[in-house]
Amino acid sequence: MDKTGTAAPSGSGRPRRRRLRAHERRESILGAANTVFGQRGYEVVRIDDVAAAAGISKALIYEHFRSKQELYSELMNRAAIEMLGRIVTASGGPDLSGAARLERGAEAGFAFVTEQPEAFQMFVRDVSDPEIAAQQETLRRGAVAAMIDVMRLEPAVTRTDLTPANLEQIAEMLVGGFYALADWWLRDRETDVSELIRMMLSFMWLGLGRMQEGERWTLGASGGNAPAAAEQDPHGSPGSADPDSD
């Protein structure tokens, strides 16, 4: 088969191969682009590089995608839909609550990262293209909104003192923490992923769980945030007692 996907003539001595249908060719291009973009980044990859990885001509890529930007944009959208779909499905079970919900979501998120590291890197790698950067931010906001929806699955009593703004703040921290930790793992893959999940849950849930019980950190009387200004709770950590109380 030549680079256009046409089967070689029968007299050439080479086996005839089926010409790919349009949607199959498109998927082939996306697969090759996912690999080269994930490994090398948007900035340095050219359409010629994608064509070489896909084993086709550059002209054939332009039959399916108008530009490198359009190709990268579709890859990010597809990856975001799959990753968020996995996380929401895993953490949204009606039989789950609290820490179990967070743990299932974390497991699903890190499973995506380990299975599709190149796709995940598209969310976290800095780019200079303003439209791609804006799309990254849009996808991040979508992830935050999805986490807010998951938190709202918890019993209302656990959210009594949490305003909509508080839920958004917590969701921002959850998404940001996951992105940062997964990005770190991609640079240091010797660490077992289960250890990452354990560390993330220890950091997030030990605080979030107590917030759901109504506990809050109280700032120092001088307006600072020195831990010494807060009393210790039974767990041995700074609690929500008023430092000015008797």
Protein backbone atom coordinates (compact mmCIF):
# COMPACT_ATOMS: atom_id res chain seq x y z
CA MET A 1 0.00 0.00 0.00
CA ASP A 2 1.31 3.47 -0.82
CA LYS A 3 1.07 6.44 1.56
CA THR A 4 -2.40 7.35 0.35
CA GLY A 5 -3.76 4.05 1.62
CA THR A 6 -4.26 2.54 -1.86
CA ALA A 7 -3.56 -1.17 -2.27
CA ALA A 8 -0.49 -2.07 -4.33
CA PRO A 9 -1.09 -3.45 -7.86
CA SER A 10 -1.54 -7.22 -7.92
CA GLY A 11 1.49 -7.68 -10.16
CA SER A 12 3.86 -5.94 -7.77
CA GLY A 13 4.53 -9.04 -5.74
CA ARG A 14 3.37 -7.30 -2.57
CA PRO A 15 0.23 -8.45 -0.72
CA ARG A 16 -2.86 -6.41 -1.40
CA ARG A 17 -4.14 -4.45 1.57
CA ARG A 18 -7.59 -3.02 2.13
CA ARG A 19 -7.95 0.72 1.68
CA LEU A 20 -8.97 2.29 5.00
CA ARG A 21 -12.38 3.88 5.20
CA ALA A 22 -12.49 7.59 6.02
CA HIS A 23 -13.36 7.12 9.70
CA GLU A 24 -10.68 4.43 10.07
CA ARG A 25 -8.08 6.70 8.52
CA ARG A 26 -9.16 9.53 10.82
CA GLU A 27 -8.76 7.29 13.87
CA SER A 28 -5.36 6.18 12.63
CA ILE A 29 -4.24 9.79 12.35
CA LEU A 30 -5.57 10.61 15.82
CA GLY A 31 -3.74 7.64 17.30
CA ALA A 32 -0.43 8.64 15.74
CA ALA A 33 -0.91 12.29 16.71
CA ASN A 34 -1.74 11.35 20.29
CA THR A 35 1.61 9.60 20.60
CA VAL A 36 3.82 12.26 19.05
CA PHE A 37 2.05 15.20 20.74
CA GLY A 38 2.11 13.45 24.11
CA GLN A 39 5.78 12.58 23.86
CA ARG A 40 7.12 15.79 22.34
CA GLY A 41 4.55 18.51 22.97
CA TYR A 42 2.39 20.76 20.84
CA GLU A 43 5.04 23.40 20.27
CA VAL A 44 7.64 21.30 18.47
CA VAL A 45 5.51 18.74 16.61
CA ARG A 46 4.74 19.48 12.96
CA ILE A 47 2.11 17.94 10.73
CA ASP A 48 5.00 16.24 8.91
CA ASP A 49 5.85 14.45 12.17
CA VAL A 50 2.29 13.20 12.55
CA ALA A 51 2.26 12.05 8.92
CA ALA A 52 5.51 10.14 9.43
CA ALA A 53 4.16 8.47 12.58
CA ALA A 54 0.94 7.52 10.78
CA GLY A 55 2.80 6.32 7.68
CA ILE A 56 0.85 8.58 5.33
CA SER A 57 1.35 11.80 3.40
CA LYS A 58 0.85 15.22 4.93
CA ALA A 59 -1.74 15.96 2.26
CA LEU A 60 -3.86 13.06 3.49
CA ILE A 61 -3.90 14.49 7.01
CA TYR A 62 -5.22 17.79 5.65
CA GLU A 63 -8.14 15.90 4.12
CA HIS A 64 -9.29 15.17 7.68
CA PHE A 65 -7.99 18.10 9.75
CA ARG A 66 -7.58 21.71 8.70
CA SER A 67 -4.61 22.39 10.97
CA LYS A 68 -2.36 21.11 13.72
CA GLN A 69 -4.44 23.14 16.14
CA GLU A 70 -7.66 21.39 15.11
CA LEU A 71 -6.02 17.99 15.46
CA TYR A 72 -4.68 18.76 18.94
CA SER A 73 -8.01 20.25 20.00
CA GLU A 74 -9.92 17.11 19.07
CA LEU A 75 -7.45 14.93 20.92
CA MET A 76 -7.86 16.98 24.09
CA ASN A 77 -11.64 16.92 23.88
CA ARG A 78 -11.77 13.17 23.39
CA ALA A 79 -9.36 12.55 26.25
CA ALA A 80 -11.26 14.87 28.60
CA ILE A 81 -14.59 13.19 27.85
CA GLU A 82 -13.15 9.75 28.51
CA MET A 83 -11.25 10.68 31.66
CA LEU A 84 -14.13 12.58 33.26
CA GLY A 85 -16.56 9.86 32.23
CA ARG A 86 -14.48 7.28 34.06
CA ILE A 87 -14.10 9.40 37.19
CA VAL A 88 -17.76 10.39 37.44
CA THR A 89 -18.98 6.85 36.78
CA ALA A 90 -16.63 5.40 39.38
CA SER A 91 -17.34 7.98 42.07
CA GLY A 92 -21.03 8.52 41.39
CA GLY A 93 -22.33 5.16 42.57
CA PRO A 94 -25.45 5.42 44.80
CA ASP A 95 -23.92 2.96 47.25
CA LEU A 96 -20.85 5.13 47.86
CA SER A 97 -20.26 7.92 50.32
CA GLY A 98 -17.48 10.01 51.73
CA ALA A 99 -13.99 8.58 51.49
CA ALA A 100 -15.11 5.62 49.36
CA ARG A 101 -16.46 8.00 46.72
CA LEU A 102 -13.20 9.96 46.66
CA GLU A 103 -11.11 6.79 46.53
CA ARG A 104 -13.03 5.31 43.58
CA GLY A 105 -12.73 8.58 41.68
CA ALA A 106 -9.00 8.79 42.35
CA GLU A 107 -8.47 5.20 41.23
CA ALA A 108 -10.34 5.86 37.99
CA GLY A 109 -8.43 9.07 37.33
CA PHE A 110 -5.01 7.52 37.88
CA ALA A 111 -5.99 4.48 35.82
CA PHE A 112 -6.56 6.80 32.89
CA VAL A 113 -3.19 8.49 33.46
CA THR A 114 -1.31 5.19 33.55
CA GLU A 115 -3.12 3.80 30.50
CA GLN A 116 -3.02 6.98 28.41
CA PRO A 117 -0.13 9.13 29.68
CA GLU A 118 0.29 10.93 26.35
CA ALA A 119 -3.36 12.00 26.34
CA PHE A 120 -3.21 13.26 29.94
CA GLN A 121 -0.09 15.32 29.28
CA MET A 122 -2.08 17.45 26.86
CA PHE A 123 -4.05 18.84 29.82
CA VAL A 124 -1.05 19.87 31.88
CA ARG A 125 1.68 20.80 29.40
CA ASP A 126 2.11 24.55 28.89
CA VAL A 127 1.48 25.84 25.38
CA SER A 128 1.96 29.26 23.81
CA ASP A 129 -1.00 28.97 21.43
CA PRO A 130 -3.71 31.11 23.10
CA GLU A 131 -6.61 29.09 21.70
CA ILE A 132 -5.17 25.78 22.90
CA ALA A 133 -4.39 27.32 26.30
CA ALA A 134 -7.96 28.61 26.50
CA GLN A 135 -9.29 25.15 25.67
CA GLN A 136 -7.13 23.62 28.41
CA GLU A 137 -8.67 26.07 30.87
CA THR A 138 -12.19 25.28 29.62
CA LEU A 139 -11.58 21.56 30.11
CA ARG A 140 -10.20 22.18 33.59
CA ARG A 141 -13.32 24.17 34.50
CA GLY A 142 -15.41 21.30 33.19
CA ALA A 143 -13.55 18.95 35.52
CA VAL A 144 -14.21 21.29 38.45
CA ALA A 145 -17.92 21.40 37.60
CA ALA A 146 -18.02 17.61 37.43
CA MET A 147 -16.42 17.36 40.89
CA ILE A 148 -19.00 19.76 42.30
CA ASP A 149 -21.76 17.53 40.93
CA VAL A 150 -20.12 14.49 42.55
CA MET A 151 -19.87 16.27 45.93
CA ARG A 152 -23.56 17.12 45.71
CA LEU A 153 -24.29 13.41 45.70
CA GLU A 154 -23.29 13.36 49.36
CA PRO A 155 -26.07 13.73 51.99
CA ALA A 156 -27.12 17.34 52.41
CA VAL A 157 -26.27 17.24 56.12
CA THR A 158 -22.56 16.96 55.24
CA ARG A 159 -22.81 20.21 53.27
CA THR A 160 -24.76 22.26 55.80
CA ASP A 161 -22.04 24.84 56.34
CA LEU A 162 -20.59 24.72 52.81
CA THR A 163 -21.72 27.46 50.45
CA PRO A 164 -21.72 26.98 46.65
CA ALA A 165 -18.50 29.01 46.61
CA ASN A 166 -16.98 26.63 49.18
CA LEU A 167 -17.87 23.62 47.01
CA GLU A 168 -16.23 25.26 44.02
CA GLN A 169 -13.11 26.02 46.07
CA ILE A 170 -12.86 22.41 47.24
CA ALA A 171 -13.42 21.13 43.70
CA GLU A 172 -10.63 23.42 42.45
CA MET A 173 -8.28 21.90 45.03
CA LEU A 174 -9.31 18.35 44.18
CA VAL A 175 -8.78 18.83 40.45
CA GLY A 176 -5.61 20.86 40.89
CA GLY A 177 -4.16 18.30 43.30
CA PHE A 178 -4.92 15.42 40.96
CA TYR A 179 -3.44 17.21 37.95
CA ALA A 180 -0.28 18.14 39.86
CA LEU A 181 0.28 14.70 41.37
CA ALA A 182 -0.37 12.87 38.09
CA ASP A 183 1.98 15.24 36.28
CA TRP A 184 4.64 14.54 38.92
CA TRP A 185 4.19 10.79 38.45
CA LEU A 186 4.70 11.12 34.69
CA ARG A 187 8.16 12.49 35.49
CA ASP A 188 8.94 9.87 38.18
CA ARG A 189 7.21 6.64 37.25
CA GLU A 190 9.15 4.52 39.71
CA THR A 191 6.59 5.38 42.40
CA ASP A 192 3.74 2.89 42.64
CA VAL A 193 0.43 4.50 41.67
CA SER A 194 -1.31 2.99 44.69
CA GLU A 195 1.07 5.00 46.87
CA LEU A 196 0.07 8.18 45.04
CA ILE A 197 -3.60 7.43 45.67
CA ARG A 198 -2.94 6.68 49.33
CA MET A 199 -1.02 9.93 49.77
CA MET A 200 -3.64 12.00 47.95
CA LEU A 201 -6.49 10.53 50.00
CA SER A 202 -4.56 10.99 53.23
CA PHE A 203 -3.96 14.63 52.42
CA MET A 204 -7.42 15.41 51.07
CA TRP A 205 -9.86 13.27 53.00
CA LEU A 206 -8.40 13.66 56.49
CA GLY A 207 -9.21 17.34 56.08
CA LEU A 208 -12.31 17.17 53.90
CA GLY A 209 -13.93 14.49 56.05
CA ARG A 210 -13.57 16.64 59.14
CA MET A 211 -14.96 19.64 57.24
CA GLN A 212 -18.06 17.59 56.51
CA GLU A 213 -18.40 17.11 60.26
CA GLY A 214 -18.52 20.89 60.65
CA GLU A 215 -14.93 21.44 61.76
CA ARG A 216 -13.17 24.61 60.57
CA TRP A 217 -9.74 26.14 60.99
CA THR A 218 -9.75 29.38 62.97
CA LEU A 219 -7.26 32.08 62.08
CA GLY A 220 -5.11 33.67 64.75
CA ALA A 221 -6.49 36.55 66.76
CA SER A 222 -4.04 38.94 65.08
CA GLY A 223 -5.41 38.01 61.66
CA GLY A 224 -2.47 35.76 60.82
CA ASN A 225 -2.70 32.05 60.15
CA ALA A 226 -0.08 30.73 62.56
CA PRO A 227 -1.00 27.17 63.63
CA ALA A 228 -0.04 28.00 67.22
CA ALA A 229 -3.08 30.25 67.42
CA ALA A 230 -5.47 27.29 66.98
CA GLU A 231 -6.25 24.74 69.68
CA GLN A 232 -5.58 21.06 69.13
CA ASP A 233 -8.54 18.79 68.52
CA PRO A 234 -8.73 15.17 69.82
CA HIS A 235 -6.95 13.99 66.66
CA GLY A 236 -3.88 16.02 67.57
CA SER A 237 -4.29 18.50 64.72
CA PRO A 238 -5.22 22.18 64.78
CA GLY A 239 -8.98 22.38 65.15
CA SER A 240 -11.71 24.96 64.95
CA ALA A 241 -11.76 26.25 68.48
CA ASP A 242 -11.77 30.01 68.91
CA PRO A 243 -8.33 31.03 70.23
CA ASP A 244 -9.96 33.84 72.25
CA SER A 245 -12.40 31.55 74.05
CA ASP A 246 -11.91 30.61 77.70
